[in-house]
Amino acid sequence: MGFSLSRQHLTLALLTAGMAAPLLYYGLQAAAAPFYPGFSFVGTTASELGSDLSPQAPAFNAGIILLGAATLLASAGFWRALRRLGASPALALPTSLAVAANGVQSLWAGLHPMPDPRHGGHPAFILAMILLPPLLTAALWRHSRSRVLQAYLLATLALLAVMIPLMSGATGLDTHTYRGLLQRVFTLTIFPPIGVAAYVLARRVRASARNDRAKQPS
């Protein structure tokens, strides 16, 4: 009983890191924006806030590294929670790896800030970002008793479908002028879903633990 409770607490602690991910990502930008010369919500990307043009770049990049570490911890929580709730390894593993890859991307970006040519990282990071929303939707759907949650998951997929051609330049629109806005809209399909999924899984883990305790003989 004590060992099981410890495992539950560890899983919940790891998922808490996932809940913090969107707060860190957007909170860091809100804190750094006033110190960036000529900051524009539409034209300035998160990466530029950590570039050599920003006087607060070291603090911002340290925060991005913290975001990466939190997301990596969350990926372990996703694995533990999904397996605890009965998800197959074929679903739990790629979902957890996609979360982990996003954590590695944040770590990489923080360690190699602009204008370092390595800042963009490996194309696999982009692939992991694109795959994350559908994987989270598949992982959460069987636990999504709420119509609100189901609608949120479907809306996230719809937004992703719209943003992929916009971000890739396939539409022919001027993506450079609106790069900050496009990035912030695109990341709505990444960081908030991680936080929402972590919250939902944490609730399900607690409920599952309560049910297990209720079934034990007194």
N, C-alpha and C. Protein backbone atom coordinates (compact mmCIF):
# COMPACT_ATOMS: atom_id res chain seq x y z
N MET A 1 0.84 -1.21 0.00
CA MET A 1 0.00 0.00 0.00
C MET A 1 0.87 1.26 0.00
N GLY A 2 1.91 1.27 0.91
CA GLY A 2 2.80 2.41 0.97
C GLY A 2 3.57 2.60 -0.31
N PHE A 3 4.05 1.50 -0.91
CA PHE A 3 4.80 1.57 -2.16
C PHE A 3 3.91 2.10 -3.27
N SER A 4 2.68 1.61 -3.34
CA SER A 4 1.74 2.05 -4.37
C SER A 4 1.45 3.53 -4.23
N LEU A 5 1.30 3.99 -2.97
CA LEU A 5 1.03 5.40 -2.73
C LEU A 5 2.22 6.25 -3.16
N SER A 6 3.43 5.76 -2.91
CA SER A 6 4.62 6.49 -3.32
C SER A 6 4.69 6.60 -4.84
N ARG A 7 4.34 5.53 -5.52
CA ARG A 7 4.34 5.55 -6.99
C ARG A 7 3.31 6.55 -7.51
N GLN A 8 2.16 6.58 -6.85
CA GLN A 8 1.13 7.53 -7.24
C GLN A 8 1.61 8.97 -7.06
N HIS A 9 2.23 9.24 -5.94
CA HIS A 9 2.72 10.59 -5.66
C HIS A 9 3.78 11.01 -6.68
N LEU A 10 4.65 10.06 -7.05
CA LEU A 10 5.67 10.38 -8.04
C LEU A 10 5.03 10.70 -9.39
N THR A 11 4.06 9.90 -9.79
CA THR A 11 3.37 10.15 -11.06
C THR A 11 2.70 11.51 -11.05
N LEU A 12 2.04 11.84 -9.95
CA LEU A 12 1.35 13.13 -9.87
C LEU A 12 2.34 14.29 -9.86
N ALA A 13 3.49 14.11 -9.23
CA ALA A 13 4.51 15.15 -9.22
C ALA A 13 5.04 15.39 -10.63
N LEU A 14 5.26 14.32 -11.37
CA LEU A 14 5.74 14.45 -12.75
C LEU A 14 4.70 15.12 -13.63
N LEU A 15 3.44 14.79 -13.43
CA LEU A 15 2.37 15.42 -14.21
C LEU A 15 2.22 16.90 -13.86
N THR A 16 2.52 17.25 -12.63
CA THR A 16 2.47 18.67 -12.24
C THR A 16 3.45 19.48 -13.06
N ALA A 17 4.61 18.88 -13.38
CA ALA A 17 5.58 19.56 -14.24
C ALA A 17 4.97 19.82 -15.61
N GLY A 18 4.14 18.87 -16.09
CA GLY A 18 3.47 19.08 -17.37
C GLY A 18 2.45 20.20 -17.31
N MET A 19 1.74 20.30 -16.19
CA MET A 19 0.77 21.39 -16.03
C MET A 19 1.47 22.75 -16.04
N ALA A 20 2.72 22.77 -15.58
CA ALA A 20 3.47 24.03 -15.52
C ALA A 20 4.01 24.46 -16.88
N ALA A 21 4.08 23.53 -17.84
CA ALA A 21 4.73 23.83 -19.12
C ALA A 21 4.13 25.04 -19.84
N PRO A 22 2.81 25.11 -20.05
CA PRO A 22 2.28 26.29 -20.74
C PRO A 22 2.46 27.58 -19.94
N LEU A 23 2.39 27.48 -18.63
CA LEU A 23 2.60 28.67 -17.80
C LEU A 23 4.01 29.19 -17.96
N LEU A 24 4.98 28.28 -18.01
CA LEU A 24 6.37 28.68 -18.20
C LEU A 24 6.57 29.28 -19.58
N TYR A 25 6.04 28.62 -20.61
CA TYR A 25 6.30 29.07 -21.98
C TYR A 25 5.77 30.48 -22.21
N TYR A 26 4.52 30.71 -21.86
CA TYR A 26 3.94 32.02 -22.10
C TYR A 26 4.33 33.04 -21.03
N GLY A 27 4.54 32.56 -19.81
CA GLY A 27 4.95 33.46 -18.74
C GLY A 27 6.34 34.04 -18.98
N LEU A 28 7.24 33.23 -19.49
CA LEU A 28 8.60 33.72 -19.80
C LEU A 28 8.54 34.82 -20.85
N GLN A 29 7.70 34.64 -21.86
CA GLN A 29 7.59 35.65 -22.90
C GLN A 29 7.01 36.95 -22.36
N ALA A 30 5.99 36.81 -21.52
CA ALA A 30 5.36 38.00 -20.94
C ALA A 30 6.36 38.77 -20.07
N ALA A 31 7.23 38.02 -19.36
CA ALA A 31 8.21 38.68 -18.49
C ALA A 31 9.33 39.32 -19.29
N ALA A 32 9.71 38.71 -20.41
CA ALA A 32 10.85 39.20 -21.18
C ALA A 32 10.48 40.29 -22.18
N ALA A 33 9.23 40.30 -22.63
CA ALA A 33 8.82 41.23 -23.69
C ALA A 33 9.09 42.70 -23.36
N PRO A 34 8.82 43.19 -22.14
CA PRO A 34 9.05 44.62 -21.87
C PRO A 34 10.50 45.05 -22.00
N PHE A 35 11.43 44.10 -21.93
CA PHE A 35 12.85 44.45 -21.98
C PHE A 35 13.44 44.30 -23.39
N TYR A 36 12.63 43.84 -24.33
CA TYR A 36 13.13 43.65 -25.69
C TYR A 36 12.87 44.90 -26.51
N PRO A 37 13.90 45.50 -27.10
CA PRO A 37 13.70 46.74 -27.86
C PRO A 37 12.76 46.53 -29.05
N GLY A 38 11.69 47.31 -29.08
CA GLY A 38 10.75 47.24 -30.19
C GLY A 38 9.95 45.96 -30.25
N PHE A 39 9.69 45.37 -29.11
CA PHE A 39 8.93 44.11 -29.10
C PHE A 39 7.57 44.29 -29.76
N SER A 40 7.20 43.28 -30.56
CA SER A 40 5.89 43.25 -31.19
C SER A 40 5.30 41.86 -31.02
N PHE A 41 4.09 41.81 -30.52
CA PHE A 41 3.41 40.52 -30.36
C PHE A 41 3.25 39.83 -31.71
N VAL A 42 3.10 40.60 -32.75
CA VAL A 42 2.88 40.06 -34.09
C VAL A 42 4.20 39.68 -34.77
N GLY A 43 5.23 40.50 -34.58
CA GLY A 43 6.46 40.31 -35.35
C GLY A 43 7.65 39.75 -34.61
N THR A 44 7.58 39.63 -33.28
CA THR A 44 8.73 39.15 -32.51
C THR A 44 8.46 37.74 -32.01
N THR A 45 9.35 36.81 -32.32
CA THR A 45 9.17 35.42 -31.89
C THR A 45 9.76 35.20 -30.50
N ALA A 46 9.43 34.08 -29.91
CA ALA A 46 9.99 33.72 -28.61
C ALA A 46 11.50 33.57 -28.71
N SER A 47 11.99 33.01 -29.81
CA SER A 47 13.43 32.82 -29.98
C SER A 47 14.17 34.15 -29.97
N GLU A 48 13.57 35.19 -30.53
CA GLU A 48 14.22 36.50 -30.55
C GLU A 48 14.35 37.08 -29.15
N LEU A 49 13.45 36.72 -28.26
CA LEU A 49 13.56 37.19 -26.87
C LEU A 49 14.78 36.60 -26.18
N GLY A 50 15.28 35.49 -26.70
CA GLY A 50 16.48 34.88 -26.14
C GLY A 50 17.72 35.13 -26.96
N SER A 51 17.62 36.01 -27.96
CA SER A 51 18.75 36.27 -28.86
C SER A 51 19.68 37.32 -28.28
N ASP A 52 20.76 37.61 -29.03
CA ASP A 52 21.72 38.61 -28.57
C ASP A 52 21.17 40.03 -28.69
N LEU A 53 19.97 40.18 -29.21
CA LEU A 53 19.33 41.50 -29.27
C LEU A 53 18.62 41.86 -27.97
N SER A 54 18.46 40.88 -27.09
CA SER A 54 17.72 41.11 -25.86
C SER A 54 18.67 41.23 -24.67
N PRO A 55 18.56 42.29 -23.88
CA PRO A 55 19.42 42.44 -22.70
C PRO A 55 19.14 41.39 -21.62
N GLN A 56 17.96 40.77 -21.67
CA GLN A 56 17.59 39.77 -20.67
C GLN A 56 17.68 38.35 -21.23
N ALA A 57 18.45 38.19 -22.30
CA ALA A 57 18.53 36.88 -22.96
C ALA A 57 19.00 35.76 -22.03
N PRO A 58 20.04 35.96 -21.20
CA PRO A 58 20.48 34.85 -20.34
C PRO A 58 19.38 34.34 -19.41
N ALA A 59 18.62 35.26 -18.82
CA ALA A 59 17.54 34.85 -17.91
C ALA A 59 16.44 34.14 -18.70
N PHE A 60 16.12 34.66 -19.88
CA PHE A 60 15.07 34.04 -20.70
C PHE A 60 15.47 32.63 -21.11
N ASN A 61 16.72 32.47 -21.56
CA ASN A 61 17.17 31.16 -22.00
C ASN A 61 17.26 30.18 -20.84
N ALA A 62 17.61 30.67 -19.66
CA ALA A 62 17.59 29.80 -18.48
C ALA A 62 16.18 29.30 -18.21
N GLY A 63 15.20 30.18 -18.41
CA GLY A 63 13.81 29.77 -18.25
C GLY A 63 13.38 28.75 -19.28
N ILE A 64 13.85 28.91 -20.51
CA ILE A 64 13.52 27.94 -21.56
C ILE A 64 14.14 26.58 -21.25
N ILE A 65 15.34 26.59 -20.70
CA ILE A 65 15.97 25.33 -20.28
C ILE A 65 15.14 24.68 -19.16
N LEU A 66 14.66 25.51 -18.24
CA LEU A 66 13.78 24.99 -17.18
C LEU A 66 12.50 24.41 -17.77
N LEU A 67 11.95 25.08 -18.78
CA LEU A 67 10.76 24.57 -19.47
C LEU A 67 11.06 23.20 -20.08
N GLY A 68 12.23 23.06 -20.71
CA GLY A 68 12.60 21.78 -21.30
C GLY A 68 12.71 20.69 -20.26
N ALA A 69 13.31 21.02 -19.12
CA ALA A 69 13.45 20.03 -18.05
C ALA A 69 12.08 19.62 -17.52
N ALA A 70 11.19 20.60 -17.34
CA ALA A 70 9.84 20.29 -16.84
C ALA A 70 9.08 19.40 -17.82
N THR A 71 9.24 19.66 -19.12
CA THR A 71 8.53 18.86 -20.12
C THR A 71 9.09 17.44 -20.17
N LEU A 72 10.40 17.31 -20.01
CA LEU A 72 10.99 15.97 -19.96
C LEU A 72 10.48 15.19 -18.76
N LEU A 73 10.40 15.84 -17.60
CA LEU A 73 9.84 15.17 -16.43
C LEU A 73 8.39 14.78 -16.69
N ALA A 74 7.65 15.67 -17.34
CA ALA A 74 6.25 15.38 -17.64
C ALA A 74 6.11 14.15 -18.53
N SER A 75 7.04 13.96 -19.46
CA SER A 75 6.95 12.81 -20.36
C SER A 75 6.99 11.50 -19.58
N ALA A 76 7.79 11.46 -18.51
CA ALA A 76 7.81 10.26 -17.67
C ALA A 76 6.49 10.10 -16.94
N GLY A 77 5.90 11.22 -16.53
CA GLY A 77 4.58 11.16 -15.89
C GLY A 77 3.50 10.69 -16.85
N PHE A 78 3.58 11.11 -18.10
CA PHE A 78 2.62 10.64 -19.10
C PHE A 78 2.72 9.12 -19.26
N TRP A 79 3.94 8.62 -19.36
CA TRP A 79 4.13 7.18 -19.52
C TRP A 79 3.54 6.41 -18.34
N ARG A 80 3.88 6.86 -17.13
CA ARG A 80 3.41 6.17 -15.94
C ARG A 80 1.90 6.24 -15.82
N ALA A 81 1.33 7.42 -16.08
CA ALA A 81 -0.12 7.59 -15.94
C ALA A 81 -0.89 6.80 -16.99
N LEU A 82 -0.44 6.88 -18.23
CA LEU A 82 -1.15 6.16 -19.29
C LEU A 82 -1.11 4.66 -19.07
N ARG A 83 0.02 4.14 -18.64
CA ARG A 83 0.11 2.71 -18.38
C ARG A 83 -0.73 2.34 -17.16
N ARG A 84 -0.74 3.21 -16.16
CA ARG A 84 -1.55 2.97 -14.96
C ARG A 84 -3.03 2.91 -15.31
N LEU A 85 -3.43 3.70 -16.29
CA LEU A 85 -4.84 3.79 -16.66
C LEU A 85 -5.22 2.79 -17.76
N GLY A 86 -4.29 1.94 -18.14
CA GLY A 86 -4.61 0.86 -19.06
C GLY A 86 -4.30 1.10 -20.52
N ALA A 87 -3.64 2.20 -20.85
CA ALA A 87 -3.28 2.44 -22.25
C ALA A 87 -2.22 1.44 -22.68
N SER A 88 -2.28 1.01 -23.93
CA SER A 88 -1.30 0.05 -24.43
C SER A 88 0.04 0.74 -24.64
N PRO A 89 1.14 -0.02 -24.55
CA PRO A 89 2.46 0.56 -24.83
C PRO A 89 2.54 1.19 -26.21
N ALA A 90 1.78 0.64 -27.18
CA ALA A 90 1.80 1.16 -28.54
C ALA A 90 1.26 2.58 -28.62
N LEU A 91 0.46 3.00 -27.65
CA LEU A 91 -0.03 4.37 -27.59
C LEU A 91 0.72 5.18 -26.55
N ALA A 92 0.97 4.59 -25.39
CA ALA A 92 1.62 5.33 -24.31
C ALA A 92 3.05 5.73 -24.67
N LEU A 93 3.77 4.84 -25.37
CA LEU A 93 5.18 5.12 -25.67
C LEU A 93 5.35 6.26 -26.66
N PRO A 94 4.69 6.24 -27.84
CA PRO A 94 4.88 7.37 -28.75
C PRO A 94 4.36 8.69 -28.19
N THR A 95 3.29 8.63 -27.39
CA THR A 95 2.79 9.86 -26.77
C THR A 95 3.83 10.44 -25.82
N SER A 96 4.39 9.60 -24.98
CA SER A 96 5.40 10.05 -24.03
C SER A 96 6.66 10.53 -24.73
N LEU A 97 7.04 9.84 -25.81
CA LEU A 97 8.24 10.25 -26.56
C LEU A 97 8.02 11.58 -27.26
N ALA A 98 6.80 11.83 -27.75
CA ALA A 98 6.51 13.11 -28.39
C ALA A 98 6.61 14.25 -27.38
N VAL A 99 6.11 14.03 -26.16
CA VAL A 99 6.25 15.03 -25.10
C VAL A 99 7.72 15.23 -24.77
N ALA A 100 8.47 14.13 -24.67
CA ALA A 100 9.89 14.22 -24.36
C ALA A 100 10.65 14.97 -25.45
N ALA A 101 10.31 14.72 -26.71
CA ALA A 101 10.99 15.40 -27.82
C ALA A 101 10.76 16.91 -27.76
N ASN A 102 9.57 17.32 -27.34
CA ASN A 102 9.31 18.74 -27.17
C ASN A 102 10.14 19.32 -26.03
N GLY A 103 10.37 18.51 -25.00
CA GLY A 103 11.26 18.94 -23.93
C GLY A 103 12.69 19.10 -24.41
N VAL A 104 13.15 18.17 -25.21
CA VAL A 104 14.51 18.25 -25.76
C VAL A 104 14.64 19.48 -26.66
N GLN A 105 13.58 19.76 -27.44
CA GLN A 105 13.60 20.94 -28.31
C GLN A 105 13.78 22.22 -27.49
N SER A 106 13.06 22.33 -26.38
CA SER A 106 13.19 23.51 -25.53
C SER A 106 14.58 23.60 -24.92
N LEU A 107 15.09 22.48 -24.44
CA LEU A 107 16.45 22.47 -23.90
C LEU A 107 17.45 22.91 -24.96
N TRP A 108 17.32 22.37 -26.15
CA TRP A 108 18.23 22.69 -27.23
C TRP A 108 18.17 24.19 -27.58
N ALA A 109 16.96 24.71 -27.67
CA ALA A 109 16.79 26.12 -28.01
C ALA A 109 17.40 27.02 -26.94
N GLY A 110 17.25 26.64 -25.67
CA GLY A 110 17.82 27.44 -24.60
C GLY A 110 19.33 27.37 -24.54
N LEU A 111 19.88 26.23 -24.90
CA LEU A 111 21.34 26.05 -24.88
C LEU A 111 22.01 26.64 -26.11
N HIS A 112 21.25 26.79 -27.20
CA HIS A 112 21.80 27.33 -28.46
C HIS A 112 20.92 28.47 -28.94
N PRO A 113 20.92 29.60 -28.22
CA PRO A 113 20.03 30.71 -28.59
C PRO A 113 20.44 31.37 -29.90
N MET A 114 19.49 32.06 -30.52
CA MET A 114 19.79 32.83 -31.72
C MET A 114 20.85 33.90 -31.39
N PRO A 115 21.78 34.15 -32.33
CA PRO A 115 21.81 33.73 -33.74
C PRO A 115 22.60 32.43 -33.99
N ASP A 116 22.79 31.60 -33.00
CA ASP A 116 23.48 30.32 -33.20
C ASP A 116 22.75 29.54 -34.30
N PRO A 117 23.46 29.12 -35.35
CA PRO A 117 22.80 28.40 -36.44
C PRO A 117 22.21 27.06 -36.01
N ARG A 118 22.63 26.57 -34.84
CA ARG A 118 22.09 25.30 -34.35
C ARG A 118 20.76 25.46 -33.64
N HIS A 119 20.30 26.70 -33.48
CA HIS A 119 19.11 26.98 -32.67
C HIS A 119 17.88 26.20 -33.12
N GLY A 120 17.71 26.06 -34.42
CA GLY A 120 16.51 25.41 -34.93
C GLY A 120 16.41 23.94 -34.60
N GLY A 121 17.54 23.31 -34.30
CA GLY A 121 17.52 21.90 -33.92
C GLY A 121 17.31 20.98 -35.11
N HIS A 122 16.93 19.76 -34.81
CA HIS A 122 16.75 18.73 -35.82
C HIS A 122 15.31 18.73 -36.33
N PRO A 123 15.10 18.41 -37.62
CA PRO A 123 13.72 18.33 -38.14
C PRO A 123 12.83 17.38 -37.36
N ALA A 124 13.43 16.40 -36.68
CA ALA A 124 12.63 15.47 -35.88
C ALA A 124 11.87 16.20 -34.78
N PHE A 125 12.42 17.32 -34.30
CA PHE A 125 11.72 18.10 -33.28
C PHE A 125 10.40 18.65 -33.83
N ILE A 126 10.45 19.14 -35.07
CA ILE A 126 9.24 19.67 -35.70
C ILE A 126 8.22 18.55 -35.90
N LEU A 127 8.70 17.39 -36.33
CA LEU A 127 7.80 16.25 -36.52
C LEU A 127 7.12 15.88 -35.21
N ALA A 128 7.89 15.89 -34.11
CA ALA A 128 7.32 15.55 -32.80
C ALA A 128 6.24 16.55 -32.41
N MET A 129 6.46 17.85 -32.72
CA MET A 129 5.46 18.86 -32.41
C MET A 129 4.16 18.59 -33.17
N ILE A 130 4.30 18.24 -34.45
CA ILE A 130 3.13 18.01 -35.28
C ILE A 130 2.36 16.76 -34.84
N LEU A 131 3.11 15.74 -34.42
CA LEU A 131 2.46 14.50 -34.01
C LEU A 131 1.86 14.57 -32.60
N LEU A 132 2.34 15.51 -31.80
CA LEU A 132 1.89 15.54 -30.40
C LEU A 132 0.38 15.72 -30.24
N PRO A 133 -0.26 16.70 -30.91
CA PRO A 133 -1.72 16.86 -30.71
C PRO A 133 -2.53 15.62 -31.06
N PRO A 134 -2.31 14.97 -32.22
CA PRO A 134 -3.10 13.76 -32.48
C PRO A 134 -2.80 12.63 -31.51
N LEU A 135 -1.56 12.52 -31.05
CA LEU A 135 -1.24 11.48 -30.08
C LEU A 135 -1.92 11.75 -28.74
N LEU A 136 -1.90 13.00 -28.29
CA LEU A 136 -2.57 13.34 -27.04
C LEU A 136 -4.08 13.13 -27.16
N THR A 137 -4.64 13.45 -28.33
CA THR A 137 -6.07 13.23 -28.53
C THR A 137 -6.41 11.74 -28.43
N ALA A 138 -5.60 10.91 -29.09
CA ALA A 138 -5.84 9.46 -29.03
C ALA A 138 -5.68 8.93 -27.61
N ALA A 139 -4.69 9.45 -26.89
CA ALA A 139 -4.43 8.97 -25.53
C ALA A 139 -5.52 9.39 -24.55
N LEU A 140 -6.09 10.59 -24.77
CA LEU A 140 -7.07 11.12 -23.82
C LEU A 140 -8.51 10.75 -24.17
N TRP A 141 -8.76 10.35 -25.41
CA TRP A 141 -10.14 10.20 -25.85
C TRP A 141 -10.92 9.21 -25.00
N ARG A 142 -10.27 8.11 -24.64
CA ARG A 142 -10.98 7.12 -23.84
C ARG A 142 -11.21 7.60 -22.41
N HIS A 143 -10.51 8.66 -22.01
CA HIS A 143 -10.71 9.23 -20.68
C HIS A 143 -11.51 10.53 -20.74
N SER A 144 -11.90 10.93 -21.95
CA SER A 144 -12.54 12.24 -22.10
C SER A 144 -14.06 12.11 -21.99
N ARG A 145 -14.53 11.94 -20.79
CA ARG A 145 -15.97 11.86 -20.57
C ARG A 145 -16.64 13.22 -20.73
N SER A 146 -15.85 14.25 -20.68
CA SER A 146 -16.38 15.61 -20.80
C SER A 146 -16.48 16.02 -22.27
N ARG A 147 -17.64 16.53 -22.64
CA ARG A 147 -17.80 17.04 -24.00
C ARG A 147 -16.93 18.27 -24.23
N VAL A 148 -16.69 19.01 -23.18
CA VAL A 148 -15.82 20.19 -23.30
C VAL A 148 -14.41 19.76 -23.66
N LEU A 149 -13.91 18.72 -22.99
CA LEU A 149 -12.58 18.22 -23.30
C LEU A 149 -12.50 17.68 -24.72
N GLN A 150 -13.53 16.93 -25.13
CA GLN A 150 -13.55 16.40 -26.48
C GLN A 150 -13.55 17.52 -27.51
N ALA A 151 -14.33 18.56 -27.25
CA ALA A 151 -14.38 19.69 -28.17
C ALA A 151 -13.03 20.40 -28.23
N TYR A 152 -12.38 20.51 -27.07
CA TYR A 152 -11.06 21.15 -27.04
C TYR A 152 -10.05 20.36 -27.85
N LEU A 153 -10.06 19.05 -27.71
CA LEU A 153 -9.12 18.20 -28.45
C LEU A 153 -9.35 18.32 -29.96
N LEU A 154 -10.61 18.30 -30.37
CA LEU A 154 -10.92 18.41 -31.80
C LEU A 154 -10.57 19.80 -32.33
N ALA A 155 -10.81 20.84 -31.52
CA ALA A 155 -10.46 22.20 -31.94
C ALA A 155 -8.95 22.34 -32.10
N THR A 156 -8.20 21.70 -31.22
CA THR A 156 -6.74 21.74 -31.33
C THR A 156 -6.26 21.09 -32.62
N LEU A 157 -6.86 19.95 -32.98
CA LEU A 157 -6.50 19.30 -34.23
C LEU A 157 -6.86 20.17 -35.44
N ALA A 158 -8.01 20.82 -35.37
CA ALA A 158 -8.42 21.70 -36.46
C ALA A 158 -7.46 22.87 -36.61
N LEU A 159 -7.05 23.45 -35.48
CA LEU A 159 -6.10 24.57 -35.52
C LEU A 159 -4.77 24.11 -36.09
N LEU A 160 -4.32 22.93 -35.69
CA LEU A 160 -3.06 22.39 -36.22
C LEU A 160 -3.15 22.23 -37.74
N ALA A 161 -4.28 21.72 -38.23
CA ALA A 161 -4.45 21.53 -39.67
C ALA A 161 -4.38 22.85 -40.42
N VAL A 162 -4.85 23.93 -39.80
CA VAL A 162 -4.79 25.25 -40.42
C VAL A 162 -3.38 25.82 -40.37
N MET A 163 -2.68 25.60 -39.26
CA MET A 163 -1.39 26.24 -39.05
C MET A 163 -0.26 25.59 -39.84
N ILE A 164 -0.35 24.30 -40.13
CA ILE A 164 0.75 23.63 -40.83
C ILE A 164 1.03 24.29 -42.19
N PRO A 165 0.03 24.47 -43.06
CA PRO A 165 0.34 25.14 -44.33
C PRO A 165 0.76 26.60 -44.16
N LEU A 166 0.22 27.28 -43.14
CA LEU A 166 0.62 28.67 -42.90
C LEU A 166 2.08 28.75 -42.48
N MET A 167 2.49 27.90 -41.53
CA MET A 167 3.85 27.94 -41.02
C MET A 167 4.86 27.46 -42.05
N SER A 168 4.44 26.55 -42.93
CA SER A 168 5.35 26.01 -43.93
C SER A 168 5.56 26.94 -45.11
N GLY A 169 4.71 27.96 -45.22
CA GLY A 169 4.80 28.87 -46.35
C GLY A 169 4.07 28.39 -47.58
N ALA A 170 3.34 27.30 -47.46
CA ALA A 170 2.64 26.72 -48.62
C ALA A 170 1.53 27.62 -49.13
N THR A 171 1.04 28.53 -48.29
CA THR A 171 -0.06 29.41 -48.71
C THR A 171 0.42 30.61 -49.52
N GLY A 172 1.72 30.88 -49.48
CA GLY A 172 2.25 32.03 -50.19
C GLY A 172 2.09 33.34 -49.44
N LEU A 173 1.56 33.29 -48.22
CA LEU A 173 1.38 34.50 -47.42
C LEU A 173 2.72 34.95 -46.82
N ASP A 174 2.80 36.22 -46.44
CA ASP A 174 4.01 36.77 -45.83
C ASP A 174 4.11 36.28 -44.38
N THR A 175 4.86 35.22 -44.19
CA THR A 175 4.98 34.66 -42.84
C THR A 175 6.02 35.40 -42.00
N HIS A 176 6.94 36.12 -42.63
CA HIS A 176 8.00 36.78 -41.86
C HIS A 176 7.43 37.95 -41.05
N THR A 177 6.62 38.75 -41.67
CA THR A 177 6.05 39.91 -40.96
C THR A 177 5.21 39.48 -39.77
N TYR A 178 4.53 38.35 -39.90
CA TYR A 178 3.61 37.88 -38.87
C TYR A 178 4.18 36.67 -38.12
N ARG A 179 5.49 36.54 -38.13
CA ARG A 179 6.12 35.34 -37.57
C ARG A 179 5.84 35.16 -36.09
N GLY A 180 5.79 36.25 -35.33
CA GLY A 180 5.52 36.15 -33.90
C GLY A 180 4.11 35.68 -33.63
N LEU A 181 3.15 36.25 -34.35
CA LEU A 181 1.76 35.87 -34.17
C LEU A 181 1.55 34.41 -34.59
N LEU A 182 2.11 34.04 -35.74
CA LEU A 182 1.94 32.67 -36.23
C LEU A 182 2.54 31.66 -35.25
N GLN A 183 3.71 32.00 -34.72
CA GLN A 183 4.33 31.07 -33.76
C GLN A 183 3.47 30.92 -32.52
N ARG A 184 2.94 32.01 -32.03
CA ARG A 184 2.15 31.94 -30.79
C ARG A 184 0.84 31.20 -31.01
N VAL A 185 0.25 31.35 -32.17
CA VAL A 185 -0.97 30.60 -32.46
C VAL A 185 -0.63 29.12 -32.62
N PHE A 186 0.46 28.84 -33.33
CA PHE A 186 0.86 27.44 -33.53
C PHE A 186 1.13 26.75 -32.20
N THR A 187 1.81 27.43 -31.29
CA THR A 187 2.15 26.80 -30.02
C THR A 187 0.94 26.57 -29.13
N LEU A 188 -0.20 27.16 -29.49
CA LEU A 188 -1.44 26.82 -28.78
C LEU A 188 -1.82 25.36 -28.98
N THR A 189 -1.28 24.75 -30.03
CA THR A 189 -1.53 23.32 -30.27
C THR A 189 -0.52 22.43 -29.57
N ILE A 190 0.47 23.03 -28.90
CA ILE A 190 1.54 22.26 -28.27
C ILE A 190 1.50 22.37 -26.75
N PHE A 191 1.78 23.55 -26.23
CA PHE A 191 1.97 23.69 -24.79
C PHE A 191 0.69 23.62 -23.97
N PRO A 192 -0.39 24.33 -24.33
CA PRO A 192 -1.62 24.14 -23.56
C PRO A 192 -2.14 22.70 -23.57
N PRO A 193 -2.09 21.97 -24.72
CA PRO A 193 -2.52 20.57 -24.66
C PRO A 193 -1.69 19.71 -23.72
N ILE A 194 -0.40 19.99 -23.62
CA ILE A 194 0.42 19.25 -22.65
C ILE A 194 -0.10 19.50 -21.23
N GLY A 195 -0.37 20.78 -20.93
CA GLY A 195 -0.87 21.10 -19.60
C GLY A 195 -2.24 20.51 -19.33
N VAL A 196 -3.13 20.61 -20.31
CA VAL A 196 -4.48 20.04 -20.16
C VAL A 196 -4.42 18.53 -19.99
N ALA A 197 -3.62 17.87 -20.82
CA ALA A 197 -3.50 16.41 -20.74
C ALA A 197 -2.93 15.99 -19.39
N ALA A 198 -1.93 16.71 -18.91
CA ALA A 198 -1.34 16.38 -17.61
C ALA A 198 -2.38 16.52 -16.51
N TYR A 199 -3.21 17.56 -16.58
CA TYR A 199 -4.25 17.77 -15.58
C TYR A 199 -5.29 16.65 -15.62
N VAL A 200 -5.73 16.30 -16.82
CA VAL A 200 -6.74 15.25 -16.97
C VAL A 200 -6.19 13.92 -16.47
N LEU A 201 -4.97 13.59 -16.85
CA LEU A 201 -4.38 12.32 -16.41
C LEU A 201 -4.19 12.29 -14.90
N ALA A 202 -3.81 13.42 -14.31
CA ALA A 202 -3.64 13.47 -12.86
C ALA A 202 -4.97 13.19 -12.16
N ARG A 203 -6.04 13.76 -12.66
CA ARG A 203 -7.37 13.50 -12.08
C ARG A 203 -7.75 12.03 -12.22
N ARG A 204 -7.47 11.45 -13.37
CA ARG A 204 -7.81 10.04 -13.59
C ARG A 204 -6.97 9.13 -12.69
N VAL A 205 -5.71 9.47 -12.51
CA VAL A 205 -4.86 8.67 -11.63
C VAL A 205 -5.38 8.71 -10.20
N ARG A 206 -5.76 9.90 -9.74
CA ARG A 206 -6.31 10.01 -8.38
C ARG A 206 -7.60 9.21 -8.25
N ALA A 207 -8.47 9.31 -9.25
CA ALA A 207 -9.74 8.58 -9.21
C ALA A 207 -9.49 7.08 -9.22
N SER A 208 -8.54 6.63 -10.03
CA SER A 208 -8.21 5.21 -10.09
C SER A 208 -7.68 4.71 -8.76
N ALA A 209 -6.86 5.54 -8.11
CA ALA A 209 -6.31 5.15 -6.81
C ALA A 209 -7.41 5.06 -5.76
N ARG A 210 -8.37 5.99 -5.81
CA ARG A 210 -9.50 5.95 -4.86
C ARG A 210 -10.33 4.69 -5.07
N ASN A 211 -10.54 4.35 -6.32
CA ASN A 211 -11.32 3.13 -6.62
C ASN A 211 -10.60 1.88 -6.11
N ASP A 212 -9.29 1.86 -6.28
CA ASP A 212 -8.51 0.71 -5.80
C ASP A 212 -8.61 0.58 -4.29
N ARG A 213 -8.53 1.73 -3.60
CA ARG A 213 -8.60 1.69 -2.13
C ARG A 213 -9.99 1.25 -1.69
N ALA A 214 -11.03 1.68 -2.43
CA ALA A 214 -12.39 1.32 -2.06
C ALA A 214 -12.65 -0.17 -2.20
N LYS A 215 -11.94 -0.81 -3.12
CA LYS A 215 -12.13 -2.23 -3.36
C LYS A 215 -11.40 -3.11 -2.36
N GLN A 216 -10.45 -2.51 -1.63
CA GLN A 216 -9.69 -3.31 -0.67
C GLN A 216 -10.56 -3.66 0.53
N PRO A 217 -10.44 -4.88 1.03
CA PRO A 217 -11.21 -5.27 2.21
C PRO A 217 -10.80 -4.46 3.41
N SER A 218 -11.77 -4.08 4.22
CA SER A 218 -11.48 -3.27 5.42
C SER A 218 -10.95 -4.16 6.53
